[in-house]
Amino acid sequence: MPQISRWPRLLGETLRLSASALRGWGIRQVLTAVVAATGIAIAMGLATVLIPNSLFSRDIPTVPWNYPVWLLTSALMGLLIATYVAPPGDRAARSGSAADAGERRDARTGTAAGMLAWFAVGCPVCNKLALLALGYSGALTWFAPAQPFLAALALVLSVIAVLSRLRGQVACPLPTAEPARSARSAAIL
């Protein structure tokens, strides 16, 4: 585990590598990020009635922090989805190594962040899970006060997943398309 004194340096390096990855993005990644963020914002906004609509209703009015959390989470999820789009010239071979484990970890982190954000910005008594587990008064008494903490956790997890994926795009490049020689074939040559 890194020492506390090393964290600022590691964070600085992660931010530098992430910025480098973003600078290297092509039009495919940028368009994917914009379309995914917009789609997520519309879906989450409609379902949680942050975007007023006739399809859904909300018993408890929104609070001011709902809107920035909703928009930031949507933007971060769009960026995260775009990190899974390969650049146009990238035909590198995939391996079942630690890179795939990192991708699965980042995908799970991003999924958890999206779900937490959904619960955080939604109506506390419209959430069927909270309503079933806590009842109407319990949802207002216990779940509603926890929503800002869910929002903060969602944003932190989103940032961690995005930075991890971006850092990995430049710090851990995928293997080249040329297959690696086995030790036996190298010995024969």
N, C-alpha and C. Protein backbone atom coordinates (compact mmCIF):
# COMPACT_ATOMS: atom_id res chain seq x y z
N MET A 1 0.84 -1.18 0.00
CA MET A 1 0.00 0.00 0.00
C MET A 1 0.88 1.24 0.00
N PRO A 2 0.57 2.19 -0.91
CA PRO A 2 1.42 3.38 -0.96
C PRO A 2 1.34 4.19 0.32
N GLN A 3 2.44 4.82 0.66
CA GLN A 3 2.47 5.67 1.83
C GLN A 3 1.67 6.93 1.55
N ILE A 4 1.14 7.53 2.59
CA ILE A 4 0.33 8.73 2.45
C ILE A 4 1.12 9.84 1.74
N SER A 5 2.40 9.96 2.04
CA SER A 5 3.21 11.03 1.45
C SER A 5 3.40 10.84 -0.06
N ARG A 6 3.22 9.63 -0.57
CA ARG A 6 3.37 9.37 -2.00
C ARG A 6 2.09 9.64 -2.77
N TRP A 7 0.96 9.76 -2.11
CA TRP A 7 -0.32 9.94 -2.79
C TRP A 7 -0.38 11.18 -3.67
N PRO A 8 0.10 12.34 -3.20
CA PRO A 8 0.05 13.51 -4.09
C PRO A 8 0.84 13.29 -5.38
N ARG A 9 1.98 12.63 -5.29
CA ARG A 9 2.79 12.37 -6.47
C ARG A 9 2.07 11.38 -7.39
N LEU A 10 1.49 10.33 -6.82
CA LEU A 10 0.75 9.36 -7.62
C LEU A 10 -0.47 9.99 -8.27
N LEU A 11 -1.16 10.84 -7.54
CA LEU A 11 -2.32 11.53 -8.09
C LEU A 11 -1.89 12.45 -9.23
N GLY A 12 -0.81 13.18 -9.03
CA GLY A 12 -0.29 14.05 -10.08
C GLY A 12 0.08 13.28 -11.33
N GLU A 13 0.73 12.13 -11.14
CA GLU A 13 1.09 11.29 -12.29
C GLU A 13 -0.15 10.75 -12.99
N THR A 14 -1.14 10.33 -12.21
CA THR A 14 -2.39 9.82 -12.79
C THR A 14 -3.09 10.91 -13.60
N LEU A 15 -3.16 12.11 -13.05
CA LEU A 15 -3.81 13.22 -13.76
C LEU A 15 -3.04 13.57 -15.03
N ARG A 16 -1.71 13.55 -14.98
CA ARG A 16 -0.89 13.84 -16.16
C ARG A 16 -1.12 12.80 -17.24
N LEU A 17 -1.10 11.52 -16.86
CA LEU A 17 -1.32 10.46 -17.84
C LEU A 17 -2.75 10.49 -18.39
N SER A 18 -3.71 10.80 -17.55
CA SER A 18 -5.10 10.89 -18.00
C SER A 18 -5.28 12.03 -19.00
N ALA A 19 -4.66 13.16 -18.72
CA ALA A 19 -4.72 14.29 -19.66
C ALA A 19 -4.05 13.93 -20.97
N SER A 20 -2.96 13.19 -20.90
CA SER A 20 -2.28 12.74 -22.11
C SER A 20 -3.17 11.82 -22.93
N ALA A 21 -3.88 10.93 -22.26
CA ALA A 21 -4.80 10.03 -22.96
C ALA A 21 -5.92 10.81 -23.63
N LEU A 22 -6.47 11.80 -22.94
CA LEU A 22 -7.54 12.60 -23.53
C LEU A 22 -7.06 13.38 -24.75
N ARG A 23 -5.82 13.88 -24.69
CA ARG A 23 -5.27 14.60 -25.84
C ARG A 23 -5.12 13.69 -27.05
N GLY A 24 -4.93 12.40 -26.81
CA GLY A 24 -4.76 11.45 -27.90
C GLY A 24 -6.06 10.89 -28.47
N TRP A 25 -7.18 11.29 -27.91
CA TRP A 25 -8.46 10.78 -28.40
C TRP A 25 -8.76 11.30 -29.79
N GLY A 26 -9.40 10.44 -30.56
CA GLY A 26 -9.87 10.82 -31.89
C GLY A 26 -11.34 11.19 -31.85
N ILE A 27 -11.87 11.44 -33.02
CA ILE A 27 -13.27 11.84 -33.13
C ILE A 27 -14.21 10.74 -32.65
N ARG A 28 -13.83 9.48 -32.82
CA ARG A 28 -14.69 8.37 -32.37
C ARG A 28 -14.90 8.41 -30.86
N GLN A 29 -13.83 8.60 -30.12
CA GLN A 29 -13.94 8.63 -28.66
C GLN A 29 -14.72 9.86 -28.20
N VAL A 30 -14.46 11.01 -28.81
CA VAL A 30 -15.15 12.24 -28.41
C VAL A 30 -16.64 12.12 -28.69
N LEU A 31 -17.00 11.65 -29.88
CA LEU A 31 -18.43 11.49 -30.20
C LEU A 31 -19.09 10.46 -29.30
N THR A 32 -18.39 9.38 -29.02
CA THR A 32 -18.94 8.37 -28.11
C THR A 32 -19.19 8.95 -26.73
N ALA A 33 -18.25 9.74 -26.22
CA ALA A 33 -18.41 10.36 -24.91
C ALA A 33 -19.62 11.29 -24.90
N VAL A 34 -19.77 12.10 -25.94
CA VAL A 34 -20.88 13.06 -25.99
C VAL A 34 -22.22 12.34 -26.10
N VAL A 35 -22.30 11.36 -26.99
CA VAL A 35 -23.56 10.63 -27.18
C VAL A 35 -23.91 9.83 -25.93
N ALA A 36 -22.93 9.14 -25.34
CA ALA A 36 -23.20 8.35 -24.14
C ALA A 36 -23.61 9.24 -22.97
N ALA A 37 -22.91 10.34 -22.76
CA ALA A 37 -23.26 11.25 -21.67
C ALA A 37 -24.66 11.83 -21.86
N THR A 38 -24.98 12.19 -23.09
CA THR A 38 -26.32 12.73 -23.38
C THR A 38 -27.39 11.68 -23.15
N GLY A 39 -27.15 10.47 -23.61
CA GLY A 39 -28.12 9.38 -23.41
C GLY A 39 -28.34 9.08 -21.94
N ILE A 40 -27.26 9.02 -21.19
CA ILE A 40 -27.37 8.74 -19.75
C ILE A 40 -28.08 9.88 -19.05
N ALA A 41 -27.76 11.12 -19.41
CA ALA A 41 -28.41 12.27 -18.79
C ALA A 41 -29.90 12.27 -19.07
N ILE A 42 -30.29 11.95 -20.29
CA ILE A 42 -31.71 11.92 -20.63
C ILE A 42 -32.43 10.79 -19.90
N ALA A 43 -31.85 9.60 -19.93
CA ALA A 43 -32.49 8.45 -19.26
C ALA A 43 -32.62 8.68 -17.76
N MET A 44 -31.53 9.12 -17.12
CA MET A 44 -31.57 9.34 -15.68
C MET A 44 -32.46 10.54 -15.34
N GLY A 45 -32.38 11.59 -16.15
CA GLY A 45 -33.17 12.78 -15.89
C GLY A 45 -34.66 12.55 -16.02
N LEU A 46 -35.05 11.76 -17.02
CA LEU A 46 -36.47 11.47 -17.19
C LEU A 46 -36.99 10.56 -16.07
N ALA A 47 -36.25 9.51 -15.77
CA ALA A 47 -36.71 8.53 -14.78
C ALA A 47 -36.75 9.11 -13.36
N THR A 48 -35.87 10.04 -13.06
CA THR A 48 -35.85 10.63 -11.73
C THR A 48 -36.60 11.97 -11.68
N VAL A 49 -37.18 12.36 -12.80
CA VAL A 49 -37.96 13.58 -12.98
C VAL A 49 -37.13 14.84 -12.70
N LEU A 50 -35.84 14.75 -12.97
CA LEU A 50 -35.03 15.96 -12.98
C LEU A 50 -35.33 16.73 -14.26
N ILE A 51 -35.74 15.99 -15.29
CA ILE A 51 -36.32 16.59 -16.49
C ILE A 51 -37.82 16.38 -16.36
N PRO A 52 -38.58 17.43 -16.16
CA PRO A 52 -40.03 17.26 -15.98
C PRO A 52 -40.65 16.55 -17.19
N ASN A 53 -41.50 15.57 -16.89
CA ASN A 53 -42.14 14.82 -17.96
C ASN A 53 -43.43 14.21 -17.44
N SER A 54 -44.24 13.72 -18.36
CA SER A 54 -45.54 13.14 -17.98
C SER A 54 -45.45 11.62 -17.78
N LEU A 55 -44.32 11.02 -18.06
CA LEU A 55 -44.17 9.57 -17.92
C LEU A 55 -43.94 9.16 -16.47
N PHE A 56 -43.21 9.96 -15.72
CA PHE A 56 -42.85 9.63 -14.35
C PHE A 56 -43.29 10.76 -13.42
N SER A 57 -43.47 10.43 -12.18
CA SER A 57 -43.81 11.46 -11.19
C SER A 57 -42.86 11.34 -10.00
N ARG A 58 -42.84 12.39 -9.23
CA ARG A 58 -41.93 12.46 -8.09
C ARG A 58 -42.72 13.02 -6.91
N ASP A 59 -42.78 12.28 -5.80
CA ASP A 59 -43.53 12.71 -4.62
C ASP A 59 -42.79 13.77 -3.82
N ILE A 60 -41.47 13.66 -3.76
CA ILE A 60 -40.64 14.58 -3.00
C ILE A 60 -39.91 15.47 -4.01
N PRO A 61 -39.98 16.79 -3.86
CA PRO A 61 -39.32 17.67 -4.84
C PRO A 61 -37.80 17.49 -4.84
N THR A 62 -37.21 17.89 -5.94
CA THR A 62 -35.75 17.81 -6.06
C THR A 62 -35.10 18.80 -5.11
N VAL A 63 -33.86 18.53 -4.81
CA VAL A 63 -33.06 19.45 -4.00
C VAL A 63 -31.96 20.00 -4.90
N PRO A 64 -31.41 21.17 -4.60
CA PRO A 64 -30.47 21.82 -5.51
C PRO A 64 -29.26 20.97 -5.91
N TRP A 65 -28.73 20.14 -5.02
CA TRP A 65 -27.54 19.36 -5.36
C TRP A 65 -27.84 18.22 -6.34
N ASN A 66 -29.10 17.87 -6.55
CA ASN A 66 -29.44 16.80 -7.49
C ASN A 66 -28.94 17.09 -8.90
N TYR A 67 -29.06 18.33 -9.35
CA TYR A 67 -28.72 18.68 -10.72
C TYR A 67 -27.23 18.59 -11.03
N PRO A 68 -26.35 19.16 -10.21
CA PRO A 68 -24.92 18.98 -10.52
C PRO A 68 -24.47 17.53 -10.44
N VAL A 69 -25.00 16.77 -9.49
CA VAL A 69 -24.61 15.36 -9.37
C VAL A 69 -25.06 14.61 -10.62
N TRP A 70 -26.28 14.86 -11.05
CA TRP A 70 -26.83 14.21 -12.25
C TRP A 70 -25.97 14.53 -13.48
N LEU A 71 -25.65 15.80 -13.69
CA LEU A 71 -24.89 16.19 -14.87
C LEU A 71 -23.44 15.73 -14.81
N LEU A 72 -22.81 15.84 -13.65
CA LEU A 72 -21.43 15.37 -13.52
C LEU A 72 -21.32 13.86 -13.70
N THR A 73 -22.25 13.14 -13.11
CA THR A 73 -22.23 11.69 -13.26
C THR A 73 -22.45 11.30 -14.72
N SER A 74 -23.37 11.96 -15.38
CA SER A 74 -23.61 11.66 -16.79
C SER A 74 -22.37 11.92 -17.64
N ALA A 75 -21.71 13.05 -17.39
CA ALA A 75 -20.49 13.37 -18.14
C ALA A 75 -19.38 12.35 -17.86
N LEU A 76 -19.20 11.99 -16.60
CA LEU A 76 -18.17 11.01 -16.25
C LEU A 76 -18.47 9.63 -16.82
N MET A 77 -19.74 9.23 -16.81
CA MET A 77 -20.11 7.94 -17.40
C MET A 77 -19.90 7.96 -18.91
N GLY A 78 -20.16 9.09 -19.55
CA GLY A 78 -19.88 9.21 -20.98
C GLY A 78 -18.40 9.06 -21.27
N LEU A 79 -17.57 9.70 -20.46
CA LEU A 79 -16.11 9.55 -20.62
C LEU A 79 -15.69 8.11 -20.39
N LEU A 80 -16.25 7.48 -19.37
CA LEU A 80 -15.88 6.09 -19.08
C LEU A 80 -16.25 5.17 -20.24
N ILE A 81 -17.44 5.33 -20.77
CA ILE A 81 -17.86 4.49 -21.91
C ILE A 81 -16.95 4.73 -23.10
N ALA A 82 -16.55 5.97 -23.34
CA ALA A 82 -15.69 6.28 -24.48
C ALA A 82 -14.30 5.66 -24.34
N THR A 83 -13.86 5.38 -23.12
CA THR A 83 -12.54 4.75 -22.96
C THR A 83 -12.53 3.32 -23.48
N TYR A 84 -13.69 2.74 -23.69
CA TYR A 84 -13.76 1.38 -24.22
C TYR A 84 -13.78 1.35 -25.75
N VAL A 85 -13.78 2.52 -26.40
CA VAL A 85 -13.75 2.60 -27.85
C VAL A 85 -12.30 2.66 -28.29
N ALA A 86 -11.91 1.74 -29.16
CA ALA A 86 -10.54 1.70 -29.63
C ALA A 86 -10.30 2.80 -30.66
N PRO A 87 -9.11 3.38 -30.66
CA PRO A 87 -8.77 4.36 -31.70
C PRO A 87 -8.84 3.71 -33.08
N PRO A 88 -9.06 4.47 -34.15
CA PRO A 88 -9.25 3.89 -35.48
C PRO A 88 -8.13 2.98 -35.95
N GLY A 89 -6.87 3.31 -35.70
CA GLY A 89 -5.77 2.50 -36.18
C GLY A 89 -5.34 1.39 -35.24
N ASP A 90 -6.02 1.21 -34.12
CA ASP A 90 -5.61 0.24 -33.10
C ASP A 90 -6.16 -1.14 -33.42
N ARG A 91 -5.29 -2.02 -33.83
CA ARG A 91 -5.70 -3.39 -34.13
C ARG A 91 -4.93 -4.37 -33.25
N ALA A 92 -4.56 -3.90 -32.07
CA ALA A 92 -3.75 -4.71 -31.16
C ALA A 92 -4.51 -5.93 -30.69
N ALA A 93 -3.77 -6.99 -30.47
CA ALA A 93 -4.37 -8.24 -30.00
C ALA A 93 -4.75 -8.11 -28.53
N ARG A 94 -5.81 -8.74 -28.15
CA ARG A 94 -6.28 -8.72 -26.77
C ARG A 94 -5.72 -9.93 -26.04
N SER A 95 -5.46 -9.75 -24.78
CA SER A 95 -4.97 -10.87 -23.98
C SER A 95 -5.84 -11.02 -22.75
N GLY A 96 -5.86 -12.19 -22.17
CA GLY A 96 -6.64 -12.45 -20.97
C GLY A 96 -5.81 -12.22 -19.73
N SER A 97 -5.15 -11.10 -19.65
CA SER A 97 -4.19 -10.84 -18.58
C SER A 97 -4.75 -9.88 -17.55
N ALA A 98 -3.85 -9.24 -16.86
CA ALA A 98 -4.23 -8.27 -15.83
C ALA A 98 -4.95 -7.08 -16.43
N ALA A 99 -4.70 -6.76 -17.72
CA ALA A 99 -5.39 -5.65 -18.36
C ALA A 99 -6.89 -5.93 -18.40
N ASP A 100 -7.28 -7.16 -18.71
CA ASP A 100 -8.69 -7.52 -18.73
C ASP A 100 -9.29 -7.46 -17.32
N ALA A 101 -8.53 -7.86 -16.33
CA ALA A 101 -9.01 -7.78 -14.95
C ALA A 101 -9.21 -6.32 -14.55
N GLY A 102 -8.31 -5.46 -14.99
CA GLY A 102 -8.45 -4.03 -14.71
C GLY A 102 -9.68 -3.45 -15.40
N GLU A 103 -9.93 -3.89 -16.64
CA GLU A 103 -11.13 -3.44 -17.36
C GLU A 103 -12.39 -3.86 -16.63
N ARG A 104 -12.43 -5.09 -16.16
CA ARG A 104 -13.61 -5.58 -15.43
C ARG A 104 -13.79 -4.80 -14.13
N ARG A 105 -12.70 -4.53 -13.43
CA ARG A 105 -12.77 -3.76 -12.19
C ARG A 105 -13.30 -2.36 -12.46
N ASP A 106 -12.77 -1.70 -13.50
CA ASP A 106 -13.22 -0.35 -13.82
C ASP A 106 -14.67 -0.35 -14.29
N ALA A 107 -15.08 -1.38 -15.02
CA ALA A 107 -16.48 -1.47 -15.46
C ALA A 107 -17.40 -1.65 -14.26
N ARG A 108 -17.01 -2.49 -13.31
CA ARG A 108 -17.82 -2.68 -12.10
C ARG A 108 -17.88 -1.39 -11.27
N THR A 109 -16.75 -0.70 -11.18
CA THR A 109 -16.72 0.56 -10.44
C THR A 109 -17.63 1.59 -11.09
N GLY A 110 -17.58 1.68 -12.41
CA GLY A 110 -18.44 2.60 -13.14
C GLY A 110 -19.91 2.25 -13.02
N THR A 111 -20.22 0.96 -13.07
CA THR A 111 -21.61 0.52 -12.91
C THR A 111 -22.12 0.86 -11.52
N ALA A 112 -21.32 0.60 -10.51
CA ALA A 112 -21.71 0.94 -9.14
C ALA A 112 -21.91 2.44 -9.00
N ALA A 113 -21.04 3.23 -9.60
CA ALA A 113 -21.17 4.68 -9.53
C ALA A 113 -22.47 5.15 -10.18
N GLY A 114 -22.80 4.60 -11.33
CA GLY A 114 -24.04 4.97 -12.00
C GLY A 114 -25.27 4.61 -11.20
N MET A 115 -25.25 3.43 -10.60
CA MET A 115 -26.40 3.01 -9.79
C MET A 115 -26.53 3.88 -8.54
N LEU A 116 -25.42 4.17 -7.89
CA LEU A 116 -25.45 5.03 -6.70
C LEU A 116 -25.97 6.42 -7.05
N ALA A 117 -25.53 6.95 -8.20
CA ALA A 117 -26.00 8.28 -8.61
C ALA A 117 -27.50 8.25 -8.88
N TRP A 118 -27.98 7.19 -9.49
CA TRP A 118 -29.41 7.03 -9.76
C TRP A 118 -30.20 7.07 -8.45
N PHE A 119 -29.76 6.30 -7.47
CA PHE A 119 -30.43 6.29 -6.17
C PHE A 119 -30.29 7.64 -5.46
N ALA A 120 -29.14 8.30 -5.65
CA ALA A 120 -28.90 9.56 -4.97
C ALA A 120 -29.80 10.69 -5.46
N VAL A 121 -30.04 10.77 -6.76
CA VAL A 121 -30.81 11.89 -7.30
C VAL A 121 -32.30 11.57 -7.43
N GLY A 122 -32.67 10.32 -7.22
CA GLY A 122 -34.07 9.94 -7.33
C GLY A 122 -34.88 10.34 -6.11
N CYS A 123 -36.18 10.26 -6.27
CA CYS A 123 -37.10 10.54 -5.17
C CYS A 123 -36.94 9.45 -4.11
N PRO A 124 -36.73 9.81 -2.85
CA PRO A 124 -36.49 8.78 -1.83
C PRO A 124 -37.67 7.84 -1.60
N VAL A 125 -38.90 8.31 -1.78
CA VAL A 125 -40.05 7.44 -1.55
C VAL A 125 -40.55 6.81 -2.84
N CYS A 126 -40.00 7.20 -3.99
CA CYS A 126 -40.36 6.57 -5.26
C CYS A 126 -39.46 5.36 -5.54
N ASN A 127 -38.39 5.24 -4.79
CA ASN A 127 -37.46 4.12 -4.92
C ASN A 127 -38.10 2.90 -4.28
N LYS A 128 -38.47 1.93 -5.09
CA LYS A 128 -39.19 0.75 -4.60
C LYS A 128 -38.36 -0.05 -3.60
N LEU A 129 -37.06 -0.12 -3.80
CA LEU A 129 -36.22 -0.86 -2.86
C LEU A 129 -36.21 -0.21 -1.49
N ALA A 130 -36.02 1.10 -1.46
CA ALA A 130 -36.02 1.82 -0.17
C ALA A 130 -37.40 1.76 0.47
N LEU A 131 -38.42 1.85 -0.36
CA LEU A 131 -39.79 1.81 0.16
C LEU A 131 -40.12 0.45 0.75
N LEU A 132 -39.72 -0.62 0.07
CA LEU A 132 -39.96 -1.96 0.59
C LEU A 132 -39.15 -2.24 1.85
N ALA A 133 -37.90 -1.81 1.86
CA ALA A 133 -37.02 -2.11 2.99
C ALA A 133 -37.33 -1.24 4.21
N LEU A 134 -37.67 0.04 3.98
CA LEU A 134 -37.79 0.97 5.09
C LEU A 134 -39.19 1.51 5.32
N GLY A 135 -40.07 1.34 4.34
CA GLY A 135 -41.39 1.95 4.45
C GLY A 135 -41.31 3.42 4.09
N TYR A 136 -42.47 4.07 3.99
CA TYR A 136 -42.52 5.47 3.57
C TYR A 136 -41.79 6.37 4.57
N SER A 137 -42.11 6.24 5.83
CA SER A 137 -41.47 7.12 6.82
C SER A 137 -39.99 6.79 6.99
N GLY A 138 -39.63 5.52 6.86
CA GLY A 138 -38.22 5.13 6.94
C GLY A 138 -37.42 5.67 5.76
N ALA A 139 -38.04 5.66 4.57
CA ALA A 139 -37.36 6.21 3.40
C ALA A 139 -37.09 7.69 3.59
N LEU A 140 -38.04 8.40 4.17
CA LEU A 140 -37.84 9.83 4.44
C LEU A 140 -36.86 10.07 5.58
N THR A 141 -36.93 9.21 6.61
CA THR A 141 -36.10 9.40 7.80
C THR A 141 -34.67 8.92 7.60
N TRP A 142 -34.49 7.78 6.90
CA TRP A 142 -33.17 7.16 6.79
C TRP A 142 -32.55 7.29 5.40
N PHE A 143 -33.34 7.03 4.37
CA PHE A 143 -32.77 7.01 3.02
C PHE A 143 -32.52 8.42 2.48
N ALA A 144 -33.46 9.34 2.65
CA ALA A 144 -33.29 10.70 2.13
C ALA A 144 -32.04 11.38 2.70
N PRO A 145 -31.77 11.30 4.00
CA PRO A 145 -30.53 11.93 4.50
C PRO A 145 -29.26 11.24 3.99
N ALA A 146 -29.35 9.99 3.59
CA ALA A 146 -28.18 9.27 3.07
C ALA A 146 -27.89 9.60 1.61
N GLN A 147 -28.85 10.17 0.91
CA GLN A 147 -28.68 10.42 -0.52
C GLN A 147 -27.48 11.32 -0.85
N PRO A 148 -27.20 12.39 -0.11
CA PRO A 148 -26.00 13.18 -0.43
C PRO A 148 -24.70 12.36 -0.31
N PHE A 149 -24.67 11.44 0.63
CA PHE A 149 -23.48 10.59 0.78
C PHE A 149 -23.37 9.60 -0.38
N LEU A 150 -24.51 9.08 -0.84
CA LEU A 150 -24.53 8.23 -2.03
C LEU A 150 -24.04 9.01 -3.24
N ALA A 151 -24.46 10.27 -3.34
CA ALA A 151 -24.03 11.11 -4.46
C ALA A 151 -22.52 11.33 -4.43
N ALA A 152 -21.99 11.63 -3.27
CA ALA A 152 -20.54 11.85 -3.15
C ALA A 152 -19.77 10.58 -3.50
N LEU A 153 -20.25 9.45 -3.00
CA LEU A 153 -19.59 8.18 -3.31
C LEU A 153 -19.68 7.88 -4.80
N ALA A 154 -20.82 8.16 -5.41
CA ALA A 154 -20.98 7.95 -6.85
C ALA A 154 -19.99 8.79 -7.65
N LEU A 155 -19.82 10.03 -7.27
CA LEU A 155 -18.88 10.90 -7.98
C LEU A 155 -17.43 10.44 -7.79
N VAL A 156 -17.09 10.05 -6.57
CA VAL A 156 -15.72 9.57 -6.31
C VAL A 156 -15.44 8.31 -7.12
N LEU A 157 -16.38 7.36 -7.10
CA LEU A 157 -16.19 6.12 -7.87
C LEU A 157 -16.11 6.39 -9.37
N SER A 158 -16.91 7.33 -9.85
CA SER A 158 -16.87 7.69 -11.27
C SER A 158 -15.51 8.24 -11.65
N VAL A 159 -15.00 9.15 -10.84
CA VAL A 159 -13.69 9.74 -11.12
C VAL A 159 -12.60 8.68 -11.07
N ILE A 160 -12.66 7.79 -10.09
CA ILE A 160 -11.65 6.73 -9.98
C ILE A 160 -11.68 5.83 -11.22
N ALA A 161 -12.87 5.43 -11.66
CA ALA A 161 -12.98 4.56 -12.83
C ALA A 161 -12.47 5.26 -14.08
N VAL A 162 -12.84 6.52 -14.29
CA VAL A 162 -12.41 7.25 -15.49
C VAL A 162 -10.90 7.45 -15.48
N LEU A 163 -10.35 7.90 -14.36
CA LEU A 163 -8.91 8.12 -14.30
C LEU A 163 -8.13 6.83 -14.48
N SER A 164 -8.62 5.74 -13.93
CA SER A 164 -7.95 4.45 -14.08
C SER A 164 -7.95 4.02 -15.55
N ARG A 165 -9.09 4.17 -16.21
CA ARG A 165 -9.17 3.80 -17.63
C ARG A 165 -8.29 4.70 -18.49
N LEU A 166 -8.33 6.01 -18.23
CA LEU A 166 -7.52 6.93 -19.03
C LEU A 166 -6.03 6.69 -18.81
N ARG A 167 -5.65 6.51 -17.57
CA ARG A 167 -4.24 6.24 -17.26
C ARG A 167 -3.78 4.97 -17.97
N GLY A 168 -4.62 3.96 -17.95
CA GLY A 168 -4.28 2.70 -18.59
C GLY A 168 -4.13 2.79 -20.10
N GLN A 169 -4.75 3.79 -20.70
CA GLN A 169 -4.62 3.94 -22.15
C GLN A 169 -3.22 4.36 -22.58
N VAL A 170 -2.50 5.05 -21.71
CA VAL A 170 -1.14 5.48 -22.06
C VAL A 170 -0.07 4.80 -21.22
N ALA A 171 -0.40 4.36 -20.03
CA ALA A 171 0.61 3.76 -19.15
C ALA A 171 0.76 2.27 -19.41
N CYS A 172 -0.29 1.61 -19.82
CA CYS A 172 -0.27 0.17 -20.06
C CYS A 172 -0.83 -0.13 -21.44
N PRO A 173 -0.07 0.14 -22.49
CA PRO A 173 -0.60 -0.11 -23.82
C PRO A 173 -0.84 -1.60 -24.04
N LEU A 174 -1.79 -1.88 -24.89
CA LEU A 174 -2.08 -3.27 -25.23
C LEU A 174 -0.93 -3.85 -26.03
N PRO A 175 -0.76 -5.18 -26.00
CA PRO A 175 0.33 -5.79 -26.78
C PRO A 175 0.14 -5.54 -28.27
N THR A 176 1.24 -5.59 -29.00
CA THR A 176 1.17 -5.36 -30.44
C THR A 176 0.47 -6.52 -31.12
N ALA A 177 0.09 -6.32 -32.38
CA ALA A 177 -0.62 -7.34 -33.13
C ALA A 177 0.28 -8.53 -33.46
N GLU A 178 1.60 -8.33 -33.43
CA GLU A 178 2.53 -9.41 -33.73
C GLU A 178 2.52 -10.40 -32.58
N PRO A 179 2.21 -11.68 -32.84
CA PRO A 179 2.17 -12.65 -31.75
C PRO A 179 3.56 -12.85 -31.15
N ALA A 180 3.59 -13.00 -29.88
CA ALA A 180 4.85 -13.23 -29.17
C ALA A 180 5.34 -14.64 -29.45
N ARG A 181 6.64 -14.76 -29.60
CA ARG A 181 7.22 -16.08 -29.82
C ARG A 181 7.29 -16.83 -28.51
N SER A 182 7.01 -18.09 -28.58
CA SER A 182 7.15 -18.90 -27.38
C SER A 182 8.62 -19.17 -27.13
N ALA A 183 8.96 -19.57 -25.94
CA ALA A 183 10.35 -19.84 -25.60
C ALA A 183 10.91 -20.96 -26.47
N ARG A 184 10.08 -21.93 -26.82
CA ARG A 184 10.54 -23.06 -27.62
C ARG A 184 10.85 -22.61 -29.04
N SER A 185 9.97 -21.82 -29.67
CA SER A 185 10.22 -21.38 -31.04
C SER A 185 11.39 -20.42 -31.09
N ALA A 186 11.61 -19.64 -30.05
CA ALA A 186 12.75 -18.74 -30.02
C ALA A 186 14.04 -19.54 -29.89
N ALA A 187 14.00 -20.67 -29.18
CA ALA A 187 15.20 -21.49 -29.01
C ALA A 187 15.57 -22.17 -30.31
N ILE A 188 14.57 -22.52 -31.14
CA ILE A 188 14.83 -23.17 -32.40
C ILE A 188 15.52 -22.23 -33.36
N LEU A 189 15.14 -20.95 -33.31
CA LEU A 189 15.75 -19.97 -34.20
C LEU A 189 17.11 -19.65 -33.70
